[in-house]
Amino acid sequence: MTEPNAPDAATWAFAENFVAETEVAAAAREQARDLGVVPVGRGTASLLTVLMQAINAGAVVELGTGSGVSGLALYAGMAPDGVLTSIDAEPQHQAAARKSFEAAGITPRRIRLIPGDALAVLPNLLSGAYDAVFVDADKLEYVEYVEQALRLLRHGGLLLIDNALWHNRIADEDNQDDRTLVIRETLAAVTEIEEFTASLVPVGDGLLVAVKQ
C-alpha cells in the first residue's frame, strides 16, 4: 500500500481557504497587519470554530488576543451563553479586538478582555472550569502555558496550541533558535503528559490539539 501524496501548494491553498471568512474577520485580519501581529490563518480559524462547536464550549481561555481574529473564530463555535476570556499584554491589541467584537455584534458580557502577562493572569483563573484553552502568545512561555492549561481544563477539555510547526522550523533538526527549541519542548511535554491525548494538525502554521482525559 502506497503512502498518500503530500498536498501541493494549490491543494494546500484550497484547504486553507475552503471556508469563507466574514467581513468582520477579514477586517480584523487587516487590522492585525497594521498592528504588526500575525493572526491565525483562515484554515486554523475555521478549525477553531468547528472544535468549539463540537464540544459545545461555554468557557474558553485565549492567550494572545491580537486584533480579534482567533477570538471571533472561537466565539463563532461557542454555546449561546458562552464566555471567552482573552488575555494579552498589549492594550492596543485588545482595543482593536474590542472593536472587532463590537462590529460582530458580540455583547460585552460574552467577552472578557484581561490585559497583562498571561503567566501573571492565569493563576487567578479557576481550576477545572474551562472547556478549551487556546495558546497563541509568547512562544518562549509555551511550556508554562501547558502547565497552566492542564490545571484550567475540565476533563474532556481541549488544549489548542498555534504555531506548532513554527514556520517550517520544527521539522528542521538543524534549526536551534530559542523559539523553535521551546516549541519542540512544548510538543514533547504535551505528548508526555498522561492526561493529554494529542494530535498535530498541519493547518495554518500548525495546530496542536490535545484533549484532557
N, C-alpha and C. Protein backbone atom coordinates (compact mmCIF):
# COMPACT_ATOMS: atom_id res chain seq x y z
N MET A 1 0.85 -1.19 0.00
CA MET A 1 0.00 0.00 0.00
C MET A 1 0.88 1.24 0.00
N THR A 2 0.65 2.12 -0.94
CA THR A 2 1.48 3.32 -1.03
C THR A 2 1.01 4.40 -0.05
N GLU A 3 1.95 5.24 0.35
CA GLU A 3 1.63 6.36 1.24
C GLU A 3 0.89 7.43 0.45
N PRO A 4 -0.06 8.13 1.08
CA PRO A 4 -0.75 9.21 0.36
C PRO A 4 0.20 10.34 0.02
N ASN A 5 -0.05 11.00 -1.10
CA ASN A 5 0.80 12.10 -1.51
C ASN A 5 0.58 13.31 -0.61
N ALA A 6 1.66 14.02 -0.32
CA ALA A 6 1.53 15.26 0.43
C ALA A 6 0.85 16.30 -0.45
N PRO A 7 0.03 17.18 0.14
CA PRO A 7 -0.65 18.19 -0.69
C PRO A 7 0.33 19.16 -1.33
N ASP A 8 0.07 19.52 -2.59
CA ASP A 8 0.91 20.53 -3.22
C ASP A 8 0.39 21.91 -2.83
N ALA A 9 1.04 22.95 -3.34
CA ALA A 9 0.70 24.31 -2.93
C ALA A 9 -0.75 24.67 -3.26
N ALA A 10 -1.22 24.23 -4.42
CA ALA A 10 -2.59 24.56 -4.82
C ALA A 10 -3.61 23.87 -3.92
N THR A 11 -3.34 22.61 -3.59
CA THR A 11 -4.24 21.87 -2.70
C THR A 11 -4.24 22.47 -1.30
N TRP A 12 -3.06 22.85 -0.83
CA TRP A 12 -2.93 23.47 0.50
C TRP A 12 -3.73 24.78 0.54
N ALA A 13 -3.59 25.60 -0.49
CA ALA A 13 -4.30 26.87 -0.53
C ALA A 13 -5.81 26.64 -0.59
N PHE A 14 -6.22 25.64 -1.34
CA PHE A 14 -7.65 25.31 -1.43
C PHE A 14 -8.22 24.95 -0.06
N ALA A 15 -7.47 24.12 0.68
CA ALA A 15 -7.92 23.70 2.01
C ALA A 15 -7.93 24.88 2.98
N GLU A 16 -6.90 25.71 2.92
CA GLU A 16 -6.79 26.84 3.85
C GLU A 16 -7.93 27.83 3.66
N ASN A 17 -8.38 27.98 2.43
CA ASN A 17 -9.39 28.99 2.11
C ASN A 17 -10.77 28.37 1.85
N PHE A 18 -10.94 27.12 2.26
CA PHE A 18 -12.16 26.38 1.96
C PHE A 18 -13.39 27.05 2.57
N VAL A 19 -13.27 27.54 3.79
CA VAL A 19 -14.40 28.19 4.47
C VAL A 19 -14.27 29.70 4.29
N ALA A 20 -15.33 30.32 3.81
CA ALA A 20 -15.30 31.76 3.58
C ALA A 20 -15.17 32.51 4.90
N GLU A 21 -14.48 33.62 4.85
CA GLU A 21 -14.27 34.45 6.03
C GLU A 21 -15.29 35.59 6.05
N THR A 22 -15.81 35.92 7.22
CA THR A 22 -16.76 37.01 7.32
C THR A 22 -16.07 38.34 7.08
N GLU A 23 -16.84 39.35 6.77
CA GLU A 23 -16.28 40.69 6.56
C GLU A 23 -15.62 41.20 7.82
N VAL A 24 -16.21 40.92 8.98
CA VAL A 24 -15.64 41.38 10.25
C VAL A 24 -14.29 40.70 10.49
N ALA A 25 -14.21 39.41 10.24
CA ALA A 25 -12.95 38.69 10.43
C ALA A 25 -11.89 39.19 9.46
N ALA A 26 -12.28 39.46 8.22
CA ALA A 26 -11.33 39.98 7.23
C ALA A 26 -10.80 41.35 7.67
N ALA A 27 -11.69 42.18 8.22
CA ALA A 27 -11.27 43.50 8.71
C ALA A 27 -10.33 43.36 9.90
N ALA A 28 -10.61 42.41 10.77
CA ALA A 28 -9.73 42.17 11.92
C ALA A 28 -8.37 41.68 11.45
N ARG A 29 -8.35 40.87 10.41
CA ARG A 29 -7.09 40.38 9.85
C ARG A 29 -6.27 41.54 9.28
N GLU A 30 -6.93 42.47 8.61
CA GLU A 30 -6.26 43.65 8.08
C GLU A 30 -5.72 44.51 9.22
N GLN A 31 -6.49 44.62 10.29
CA GLN A 31 -6.05 45.39 11.45
C GLN A 31 -4.83 44.75 12.09
N ALA A 32 -4.77 43.44 12.06
CA ALA A 32 -3.62 42.73 12.61
C ALA A 32 -2.34 43.12 11.87
N ARG A 33 -2.45 43.24 10.56
CA ARG A 33 -1.28 43.64 9.77
C ARG A 33 -0.82 45.04 10.18
N ASP A 34 -1.78 45.92 10.41
CA ASP A 34 -1.43 47.28 10.82
C ASP A 34 -0.73 47.30 12.18
N LEU A 35 -1.10 46.36 13.04
CA LEU A 35 -0.52 46.28 14.38
C LEU A 35 0.80 45.50 14.40
N GLY A 36 1.12 44.88 13.28
CA GLY A 36 2.33 44.05 13.25
C GLY A 36 2.12 42.70 13.93
N VAL A 37 0.86 42.25 13.97
CA VAL A 37 0.51 40.97 14.59
C VAL A 37 0.21 39.96 13.50
N VAL A 38 0.65 38.72 13.71
CA VAL A 38 0.36 37.66 12.75
C VAL A 38 -0.81 36.84 13.28
N PRO A 39 -1.99 36.97 12.68
CA PRO A 39 -3.16 36.23 13.17
C PRO A 39 -3.15 34.79 12.68
N VAL A 40 -4.04 33.98 13.23
CA VAL A 40 -4.18 32.61 12.73
C VAL A 40 -4.66 32.66 11.29
N GLY A 41 -4.28 31.66 10.52
CA GLY A 41 -4.73 31.58 9.14
C GLY A 41 -6.20 31.22 9.05
N ARG A 42 -6.76 31.33 7.86
CA ARG A 42 -8.18 31.05 7.68
C ARG A 42 -8.51 29.60 7.97
N GLY A 43 -7.61 28.69 7.59
CA GLY A 43 -7.85 27.28 7.87
C GLY A 43 -7.88 27.00 9.36
N THR A 44 -6.95 27.61 10.09
CA THR A 44 -6.92 27.43 11.54
C THR A 44 -8.17 28.04 12.17
N ALA A 45 -8.57 29.21 11.71
CA ALA A 45 -9.76 29.88 12.25
C ALA A 45 -11.00 29.00 12.09
N SER A 46 -11.18 28.44 10.91
CA SER A 46 -12.37 27.61 10.69
C SER A 46 -12.32 26.35 11.55
N LEU A 47 -11.12 25.80 11.75
CA LEU A 47 -10.99 24.61 12.60
C LEU A 47 -11.31 24.94 14.06
N LEU A 48 -10.88 26.11 14.52
CA LEU A 48 -11.21 26.53 15.89
C LEU A 48 -12.71 26.58 16.09
N THR A 49 -13.42 27.14 15.11
CA THR A 49 -14.88 27.23 15.21
C THR A 49 -15.50 25.83 15.29
N VAL A 50 -15.05 24.93 14.45
CA VAL A 50 -15.59 23.57 14.43
C VAL A 50 -15.33 22.87 15.77
N LEU A 51 -14.13 23.02 16.30
CA LEU A 51 -13.78 22.36 17.56
C LEU A 51 -14.61 22.90 18.71
N MET A 52 -14.82 24.21 18.75
CA MET A 52 -15.64 24.78 19.81
C MET A 52 -17.07 24.27 19.74
N GLN A 53 -17.59 24.17 18.51
CA GLN A 53 -18.96 23.68 18.35
C GLN A 53 -19.04 22.20 18.72
N ALA A 54 -18.00 21.44 18.42
CA ALA A 54 -18.01 20.01 18.69
C ALA A 54 -18.10 19.70 20.18
N ILE A 55 -17.49 20.55 21.01
CA ILE A 55 -17.52 20.32 22.46
C ILE A 55 -18.53 21.21 23.16
N ASN A 56 -19.30 21.97 22.38
CA ASN A 56 -20.29 22.90 22.95
C ASN A 56 -19.62 23.78 24.02
N ALA A 57 -18.54 24.41 23.63
CA ALA A 57 -17.72 25.17 24.59
C ALA A 57 -18.48 26.35 25.18
N GLY A 58 -18.45 26.42 26.50
CA GLY A 58 -19.11 27.51 27.19
C GLY A 58 -18.14 28.46 27.86
N ALA A 59 -16.95 27.97 28.20
CA ALA A 59 -15.93 28.78 28.86
C ALA A 59 -14.59 28.49 28.20
N VAL A 60 -14.01 29.53 27.57
CA VAL A 60 -12.78 29.36 26.81
C VAL A 60 -11.78 30.43 27.22
N VAL A 61 -10.51 30.04 27.32
CA VAL A 61 -9.42 30.98 27.60
C VAL A 61 -8.56 31.09 26.35
N GLU A 62 -8.27 32.32 25.96
CA GLU A 62 -7.40 32.60 24.81
C GLU A 62 -6.18 33.36 25.30
N LEU A 63 -5.00 32.86 24.97
CA LEU A 63 -3.75 33.54 25.32
C LEU A 63 -3.21 34.20 24.07
N GLY A 64 -3.35 35.52 23.99
CA GLY A 64 -2.95 36.27 22.81
C GLY A 64 -4.18 36.75 22.07
N THR A 65 -4.68 37.92 22.44
CA THR A 65 -5.90 38.46 21.85
C THR A 65 -5.68 38.91 20.41
N GLY A 66 -4.51 39.55 20.16
CA GLY A 66 -4.27 40.12 18.85
C GLY A 66 -5.35 41.12 18.48
N SER A 67 -5.76 41.11 17.24
CA SER A 67 -6.80 42.03 16.79
C SER A 67 -8.18 41.39 16.82
N GLY A 68 -8.26 40.16 17.33
CA GLY A 68 -9.55 39.50 17.48
C GLY A 68 -9.87 38.44 16.46
N VAL A 69 -8.94 38.11 15.56
CA VAL A 69 -9.22 37.12 14.52
C VAL A 69 -9.54 35.76 15.13
N SER A 70 -8.67 35.27 16.00
CA SER A 70 -8.90 33.97 16.62
C SER A 70 -10.06 34.02 17.60
N GLY A 71 -10.23 35.15 18.30
CA GLY A 71 -11.34 35.30 19.22
C GLY A 71 -12.68 35.19 18.51
N LEU A 72 -12.79 35.82 17.35
CA LEU A 72 -14.01 35.73 16.56
C LEU A 72 -14.28 34.28 16.14
N ALA A 73 -13.23 33.57 15.78
CA ALA A 73 -13.37 32.17 15.37
C ALA A 73 -13.81 31.29 16.52
N LEU A 74 -13.20 31.49 17.68
CA LEU A 74 -13.58 30.72 18.85
C LEU A 74 -15.03 31.01 19.23
N TYR A 75 -15.36 32.28 19.30
CA TYR A 75 -16.70 32.70 19.70
C TYR A 75 -17.77 32.13 18.77
N ALA A 76 -17.47 32.07 17.48
CA ALA A 76 -18.46 31.61 16.49
C ALA A 76 -18.92 30.18 16.75
N GLY A 77 -18.09 29.38 17.42
CA GLY A 77 -18.46 27.99 17.68
C GLY A 77 -18.92 27.73 19.10
N MET A 78 -18.89 28.75 19.95
CA MET A 78 -19.22 28.56 21.36
C MET A 78 -20.73 28.51 21.59
N ALA A 79 -21.10 28.00 22.75
CA ALA A 79 -22.51 27.92 23.14
C ALA A 79 -23.10 29.33 23.24
N PRO A 80 -24.43 29.46 23.06
CA PRO A 80 -25.06 30.79 23.06
C PRO A 80 -24.81 31.62 24.31
N ASP A 81 -24.56 30.95 25.44
CA ASP A 81 -24.29 31.68 26.68
C ASP A 81 -22.82 31.61 27.08
N GLY A 82 -21.97 31.20 26.16
CA GLY A 82 -20.55 31.04 26.47
C GLY A 82 -19.83 32.35 26.67
N VAL A 83 -18.71 32.28 27.39
CA VAL A 83 -17.89 33.46 27.66
C VAL A 83 -16.44 33.17 27.26
N LEU A 84 -15.88 34.05 26.45
CA LEU A 84 -14.49 33.95 26.04
C LEU A 84 -13.65 34.88 26.89
N THR A 85 -12.64 34.34 27.57
CA THR A 85 -11.69 35.13 28.34
C THR A 85 -10.40 35.23 27.54
N SER A 86 -10.03 36.45 27.15
CA SER A 86 -8.86 36.64 26.30
C SER A 86 -7.83 37.52 26.99
N ILE A 87 -6.59 37.07 27.00
CA ILE A 87 -5.51 37.73 27.73
C ILE A 87 -4.45 38.21 26.75
N ASP A 88 -4.01 39.45 26.91
CA ASP A 88 -2.95 39.99 26.05
C ASP A 88 -2.22 41.08 26.82
N ALA A 89 -0.90 41.12 26.64
CA ALA A 89 -0.09 42.10 27.36
C ALA A 89 -0.11 43.47 26.69
N GLU A 90 -0.62 43.55 25.45
CA GLU A 90 -0.60 44.80 24.70
C GLU A 90 -1.99 45.44 24.68
N PRO A 91 -2.18 46.57 25.36
CA PRO A 91 -3.51 47.21 25.40
C PRO A 91 -4.04 47.59 24.02
N GLN A 92 -3.16 47.98 23.10
CA GLN A 92 -3.64 48.37 21.77
C GLN A 92 -4.20 47.18 21.00
N HIS A 93 -3.69 46.00 21.30
CA HIS A 93 -4.24 44.80 20.66
C HIS A 93 -5.67 44.58 21.12
N GLN A 94 -5.87 44.67 22.42
CA GLN A 94 -7.21 44.43 22.95
C GLN A 94 -8.19 45.53 22.54
N ALA A 95 -7.69 46.75 22.38
CA ALA A 95 -8.56 47.83 21.90
C ALA A 95 -9.03 47.52 20.48
N ALA A 96 -8.14 47.02 19.64
CA ALA A 96 -8.51 46.65 18.28
C ALA A 96 -9.47 45.47 18.29
N ALA A 97 -9.20 44.48 19.15
CA ALA A 97 -10.07 43.31 19.23
C ALA A 97 -11.46 43.70 19.71
N ARG A 98 -11.53 44.62 20.67
CA ARG A 98 -12.84 45.06 21.18
C ARG A 98 -13.68 45.64 20.04
N LYS A 99 -13.05 46.41 19.17
CA LYS A 99 -13.77 46.97 18.03
C LYS A 99 -14.25 45.86 17.09
N SER A 100 -13.42 44.84 16.92
CA SER A 100 -13.81 43.70 16.08
C SER A 100 -15.02 42.98 16.67
N PHE A 101 -14.99 42.76 17.97
CA PHE A 101 -16.09 42.07 18.63
C PHE A 101 -17.38 42.90 18.56
N GLU A 102 -17.24 44.21 18.75
CA GLU A 102 -18.41 45.08 18.66
C GLU A 102 -18.99 45.07 17.25
N ALA A 103 -18.10 45.06 16.24
CA ALA A 103 -18.57 45.04 14.85
C ALA A 103 -19.31 43.74 14.53
N ALA A 104 -18.95 42.67 15.25
CA ALA A 104 -19.62 41.38 15.05
C ALA A 104 -20.91 41.27 15.85
N GLY A 105 -21.22 42.31 16.63
CA GLY A 105 -22.44 42.30 17.43
C GLY A 105 -22.36 41.47 18.69
N ILE A 106 -21.13 41.22 19.17
CA ILE A 106 -20.95 40.43 20.38
C ILE A 106 -21.11 41.33 21.61
N THR A 107 -21.98 40.92 22.52
CA THR A 107 -22.21 41.73 23.71
C THR A 107 -21.01 41.65 24.65
N PRO A 108 -20.70 42.73 25.37
CA PRO A 108 -19.53 42.76 26.25
C PRO A 108 -19.51 41.65 27.30
N ARG A 109 -20.67 41.20 27.73
CA ARG A 109 -20.71 40.17 28.78
C ARG A 109 -20.24 38.81 28.26
N ARG A 110 -20.16 38.67 26.93
CA ARG A 110 -19.70 37.40 26.35
C ARG A 110 -18.20 37.37 26.12
N ILE A 111 -17.54 38.51 26.23
CA ILE A 111 -16.09 38.60 26.02
C ILE A 111 -15.45 39.27 27.23
N ARG A 112 -14.53 38.58 27.86
CA ARG A 112 -13.81 39.16 28.99
C ARG A 112 -12.36 39.40 28.56
N LEU A 113 -12.00 40.65 28.34
CA LEU A 113 -10.65 41.01 27.93
C LEU A 113 -9.84 41.38 29.16
N ILE A 114 -8.74 40.65 29.38
CA ILE A 114 -7.88 40.89 30.54
C ILE A 114 -6.50 41.32 30.07
N PRO A 115 -6.08 42.56 30.36
CA PRO A 115 -4.73 42.99 29.98
C PRO A 115 -3.70 42.45 30.97
N GLY A 116 -2.54 42.11 30.45
CA GLY A 116 -1.47 41.66 31.34
C GLY A 116 -0.74 40.46 30.78
N ASP A 117 0.36 40.10 31.41
CA ASP A 117 1.13 38.93 31.02
C ASP A 117 0.36 37.66 31.40
N ALA A 118 0.29 36.72 30.49
CA ALA A 118 -0.51 35.52 30.70
C ALA A 118 -0.11 34.77 31.96
N LEU A 119 1.18 34.63 32.20
CA LEU A 119 1.62 33.85 33.36
C LEU A 119 1.31 34.53 34.68
N ALA A 120 1.02 35.83 34.64
CA ALA A 120 0.60 36.54 35.84
C ALA A 120 -0.91 36.43 36.04
N VAL A 121 -1.64 36.31 34.94
CA VAL A 121 -3.11 36.27 35.00
C VAL A 121 -3.64 34.86 35.22
N LEU A 122 -3.07 33.88 34.56
CA LEU A 122 -3.61 32.52 34.58
C LEU A 122 -3.77 31.92 35.97
N PRO A 123 -2.82 32.12 36.90
CA PRO A 123 -3.00 31.53 38.23
C PRO A 123 -4.25 32.02 38.96
N ASN A 124 -4.82 33.13 38.51
CA ASN A 124 -6.03 33.67 39.14
C ASN A 124 -7.31 33.05 38.60
N LEU A 125 -7.21 32.25 37.54
CA LEU A 125 -8.39 31.62 36.95
C LEU A 125 -8.68 30.29 37.65
N LEU A 126 -9.95 29.92 37.64
CA LEU A 126 -10.43 28.78 38.40
C LEU A 126 -10.01 27.45 37.77
N SER A 127 -9.51 26.54 38.57
CA SER A 127 -9.07 25.23 38.10
C SER A 127 -10.25 24.40 37.61
N GLY A 128 -10.04 23.67 36.52
CA GLY A 128 -11.03 22.75 36.01
C GLY A 128 -12.32 23.38 35.51
N ALA A 129 -12.28 24.68 35.22
CA ALA A 129 -13.51 25.41 34.89
C ALA A 129 -13.65 25.72 33.40
N TYR A 130 -12.71 25.29 32.57
CA TYR A 130 -12.72 25.74 31.17
C TYR A 130 -12.80 24.56 30.21
N ASP A 131 -13.54 24.81 29.13
CA ASP A 131 -13.72 23.79 28.09
C ASP A 131 -12.56 23.76 27.10
N ALA A 132 -11.89 24.89 26.93
CA ALA A 132 -10.78 24.96 25.98
C ALA A 132 -9.82 26.07 26.37
N VAL A 133 -8.56 25.85 26.07
CA VAL A 133 -7.52 26.86 26.22
C VAL A 133 -6.80 26.97 24.88
N PHE A 134 -6.82 28.15 24.29
CA PHE A 134 -6.14 28.39 23.01
C PHE A 134 -4.90 29.23 23.26
N VAL A 135 -3.75 28.74 22.80
CA VAL A 135 -2.46 29.36 23.06
C VAL A 135 -1.88 29.96 21.79
N ASP A 136 -1.67 31.27 21.81
CA ASP A 136 -1.03 31.97 20.69
C ASP A 136 -0.37 33.24 21.22
N ALA A 137 0.47 33.06 22.23
CA ALA A 137 1.12 34.20 22.88
C ALA A 137 2.64 34.02 22.81
N ASP A 138 3.35 34.46 23.82
CA ASP A 138 4.82 34.43 23.84
C ASP A 138 5.32 33.00 23.67
N LYS A 139 6.01 32.73 22.57
CA LYS A 139 6.47 31.37 22.28
C LYS A 139 7.43 30.85 23.35
N LEU A 140 8.20 31.74 23.95
CA LEU A 140 9.18 31.32 24.95
C LEU A 140 8.52 30.87 26.24
N GLU A 141 7.21 31.10 26.38
CA GLU A 141 6.49 30.69 27.59
C GLU A 141 5.53 29.54 27.32
N TYR A 142 5.62 28.92 26.16
CA TYR A 142 4.66 27.88 25.78
C TYR A 142 4.63 26.71 26.78
N VAL A 143 5.78 26.29 27.28
CA VAL A 143 5.80 25.16 28.21
C VAL A 143 5.02 25.50 29.48
N GLU A 144 5.21 26.71 29.98
CA GLU A 144 4.48 27.13 31.18
C GLU A 144 2.98 27.24 30.91
N TYR A 145 2.62 27.65 29.70
CA TYR A 145 1.20 27.72 29.35
C TYR A 145 0.56 26.32 29.41
N VAL A 146 1.29 25.31 28.97
CA VAL A 146 0.77 23.95 29.01
C VAL A 146 0.48 23.54 30.45
N GLU A 147 1.38 23.86 31.35
CA GLU A 147 1.18 23.53 32.76
C GLU A 147 -0.08 24.18 33.31
N GLN A 148 -0.29 25.44 32.94
CA GLN A 148 -1.48 26.15 33.40
C GLN A 148 -2.74 25.59 32.74
N ALA A 149 -2.65 25.26 31.47
CA ALA A 149 -3.82 24.72 30.76
C ALA A 149 -4.27 23.40 31.38
N LEU A 150 -3.33 22.57 31.75
CA LEU A 150 -3.67 21.29 32.37
C LEU A 150 -4.50 21.51 33.63
N ARG A 151 -4.17 22.53 34.38
CA ARG A 151 -4.90 22.85 35.61
C ARG A 151 -6.27 23.45 35.29
N LEU A 152 -6.34 24.30 34.28
CA LEU A 152 -7.56 25.03 34.00
C LEU A 152 -8.64 24.19 33.32
N LEU A 153 -8.23 23.21 32.53
CA LEU A 153 -9.19 22.45 31.72
C LEU A 153 -9.98 21.44 32.53
N ARG A 154 -11.25 21.32 32.16
CA ARG A 154 -12.08 20.23 32.68
C ARG A 154 -11.67 18.94 31.97
N HIS A 155 -12.12 17.81 32.49
CA HIS A 155 -11.91 16.56 31.78
C HIS A 155 -12.71 16.59 30.48
N GLY A 156 -12.08 16.26 29.39
CA GLY A 156 -12.70 16.35 28.08
C GLY A 156 -12.47 17.68 27.40
N GLY A 157 -11.79 18.61 28.10
CA GLY A 157 -11.48 19.92 27.52
C GLY A 157 -10.33 19.85 26.54
N LEU A 158 -10.21 20.89 25.72
CA LEU A 158 -9.21 20.91 24.65
C LEU A 158 -8.11 21.94 24.91
N LEU A 159 -6.89 21.51 24.71
CA LEU A 159 -5.74 22.41 24.64
C LEU A 159 -5.40 22.59 23.18
N LEU A 160 -5.34 23.85 22.72
CA LEU A 160 -5.06 24.17 21.32
C LEU A 160 -3.87 25.10 21.25
N ILE A 161 -2.81 24.68 20.58
CA ILE A 161 -1.57 25.46 20.53
C ILE A 161 -1.25 25.83 19.10
N ASP A 162 -1.26 27.13 18.81
CA ASP A 162 -0.96 27.61 17.46
C ASP A 162 0.55 27.70 17.24
N ASN A 163 0.94 27.80 15.98
CA ASN A 163 2.36 27.88 15.58
C ASN A 163 3.13 26.63 15.97
N ALA A 164 2.44 25.50 16.00
CA ALA A 164 3.07 24.26 16.43
C ALA A 164 4.09 23.74 15.42
N LEU A 165 4.06 24.26 14.19
CA LEU A 165 5.08 23.91 13.19
C LEU A 165 6.06 25.05 12.97
N TRP A 166 5.76 26.21 13.55
CA TRP A 166 6.63 27.38 13.61
C TRP A 166 7.39 27.65 12.32
N HIS A 167 6.64 28.02 11.30
CA HIS A 167 7.22 28.45 10.02
C HIS A 167 8.16 27.42 9.41
N ASN A 168 7.76 26.15 9.52
CA ASN A 168 8.53 25.02 8.97
C ASN A 168 9.85 24.77 9.68
N ARG A 169 10.04 25.36 10.85
CA ARG A 169 11.32 25.21 11.55
C ARG A 169 11.36 24.00 12.48
N ILE A 170 10.20 23.55 12.96
CA ILE A 170 10.17 22.46 13.93
C ILE A 170 10.75 21.18 13.34
N ALA A 171 10.41 20.89 12.10
CA ALA A 171 10.89 19.66 11.46
C ALA A 171 12.34 19.75 11.01
N ASP A 172 12.90 20.95 11.01
CA ASP A 172 14.29 21.16 10.58
C ASP A 172 15.21 20.95 11.78
N GLU A 173 15.82 19.80 11.85
CA GLU A 173 16.65 19.46 13.00
C GLU A 173 17.84 20.40 13.18
N ASP A 174 18.24 21.05 12.10
CA ASP A 174 19.38 21.97 12.19
C ASP A 174 19.00 23.32 12.78
N ASN A 175 17.70 23.58 12.87
CA ASN A 175 17.25 24.87 13.41
C ASN A 175 17.20 24.79 14.93
N GLN A 176 18.00 25.59 15.58
CA GLN A 176 18.14 25.54 17.03
C GLN A 176 17.88 26.90 17.68
N ASP A 177 17.09 27.76 17.02
CA ASP A 177 16.81 29.05 17.64
C ASP A 177 15.91 28.86 18.85
N ASP A 178 15.89 29.84 19.74
CA ASP A 178 15.24 29.69 21.04
C ASP A 178 13.76 29.32 20.92
N ARG A 179 13.02 30.02 20.08
CA ARG A 179 11.59 29.75 19.97
C ARG A 179 11.32 28.36 19.41
N THR A 180 12.12 27.96 18.43
CA THR A 180 11.97 26.62 17.88
C THR A 180 12.21 25.56 18.94
N LEU A 181 13.24 25.74 19.73
CA LEU A 181 13.55 24.77 20.78
C LEU A 181 12.45 24.69 21.82
N VAL A 182 11.90 25.84 22.20
CA VAL A 182 10.84 25.84 23.21
C VAL A 182 9.57 25.19 22.67
N ILE A 183 9.24 25.46 21.41
CA ILE A 183 8.03 24.84 20.84
C ILE A 183 8.23 23.33 20.73
N ARG A 184 9.42 22.87 20.35
CA ARG A 184 9.70 21.43 20.34
C ARG A 184 9.53 20.85 21.73
N GLU A 185 10.04 21.55 22.72
CA GLU A 185 9.91 21.10 24.11
C GLU A 185 8.44 21.03 24.52
N THR A 186 7.67 22.01 24.05
CA THR A 186 6.24 22.05 24.36
C THR A 186 5.52 20.85 23.76
N LEU A 187 5.80 20.56 22.50
CA LEU A 187 5.17 19.41 21.85
C LEU A 187 5.50 18.12 22.59
N ALA A 188 6.76 17.99 22.97
CA ALA A 188 7.18 16.80 23.71
C ALA A 188 6.49 16.72 25.06
N ALA A 189 6.37 17.87 25.73
CA ALA A 189 5.74 17.89 27.05
C ALA A 189 4.29 17.43 26.99
N VAL A 190 3.57 17.90 25.97
CA VAL A 190 2.16 17.51 25.84
C VAL A 190 2.03 16.01 25.62
N THR A 191 2.88 15.45 24.77
CA THR A 191 2.79 14.02 24.49
C THR A 191 3.19 13.19 25.71
N GLU A 192 3.97 13.76 26.60
CA GLU A 192 4.43 13.02 27.79
C GLU A 192 3.48 13.13 28.97
N ILE A 193 2.53 14.05 28.91
CA ILE A 193 1.56 14.20 29.99
C ILE A 193 0.45 13.18 29.80
N GLU A 194 0.28 12.28 30.75
CA GLU A 194 -0.66 11.17 30.60
C GLU A 194 -2.09 11.63 30.41
N GLU A 195 -2.45 12.78 30.98
CA GLU A 195 -3.83 13.26 30.88
C GLU A 195 -4.19 13.76 29.48
N PHE A 196 -3.20 13.98 28.63
CA PHE A 196 -3.46 14.51 27.30
C PHE A 196 -3.36 13.44 26.23
N THR A 197 -4.31 13.47 25.30
CA THR A 197 -4.21 12.71 24.05
C THR A 197 -4.13 13.74 22.93
N ALA A 198 -3.05 13.70 22.16
CA ALA A 198 -2.75 14.81 21.26
C ALA A 198 -2.65 14.40 19.80
N SER A 199 -2.86 15.41 18.94
CA SER A 199 -2.63 15.26 17.50
C SER A 199 -2.09 16.59 16.98
N LEU A 200 -1.13 16.50 16.08
CA LEU A 200 -0.55 17.69 15.46
C LEU A 200 -1.16 17.84 14.07
N VAL A 201 -1.93 18.91 13.90
CA VAL A 201 -2.69 19.11 12.67
C VAL A 201 -1.95 20.10 11.76
N PRO A 202 -1.60 19.71 10.54
CA PRO A 202 -0.87 20.61 9.63
C PRO A 202 -1.79 21.60 8.94
N VAL A 203 -2.39 22.49 9.73
CA VAL A 203 -3.25 23.54 9.22
C VAL A 203 -2.61 24.87 9.60
N GLY A 204 -2.66 25.85 8.70
CA GLY A 204 -2.02 27.13 9.01
C GLY A 204 -0.55 26.94 9.30
N ASP A 205 -0.12 27.44 10.46
CA ASP A 205 1.27 27.28 10.91
C ASP A 205 1.40 26.11 11.88
N GLY A 206 0.42 25.21 11.83
CA GLY A 206 0.41 24.04 12.69
C GLY A 206 -0.43 24.28 13.94
N LEU A 207 -1.34 23.35 14.23
CA LEU A 207 -2.17 23.47 15.44
C LEU A 207 -2.09 22.14 16.20
N LEU A 208 -1.57 22.21 17.41
CA LEU A 208 -1.56 21.04 18.29
C LEU A 208 -2.91 20.99 19.00
N VAL A 209 -3.58 19.86 18.87
CA VAL A 209 -4.88 19.67 19.52
C VAL A 209 -4.73 18.52 20.52
N ALA A 210 -5.06 18.79 21.77
CA ALA A 210 -4.95 17.77 22.80
C ALA A 210 -6.19 17.80 23.69
N VAL A 211 -6.74 16.62 23.97
CA VAL A 211 -7.90 16.53 24.84
C VAL A 211 -7.44 16.02 26.20
N LYS A 212 -7.94 16.63 27.26
CA LYS A 212 -7.60 16.22 28.62
C LYS A 212 -8.52 15.08 29.04
N GLN A 213 -7.92 13.95 29.39
CA GLN A 213 -8.70 12.77 29.79
C GLN A 213 -9.23 12.95 31.22
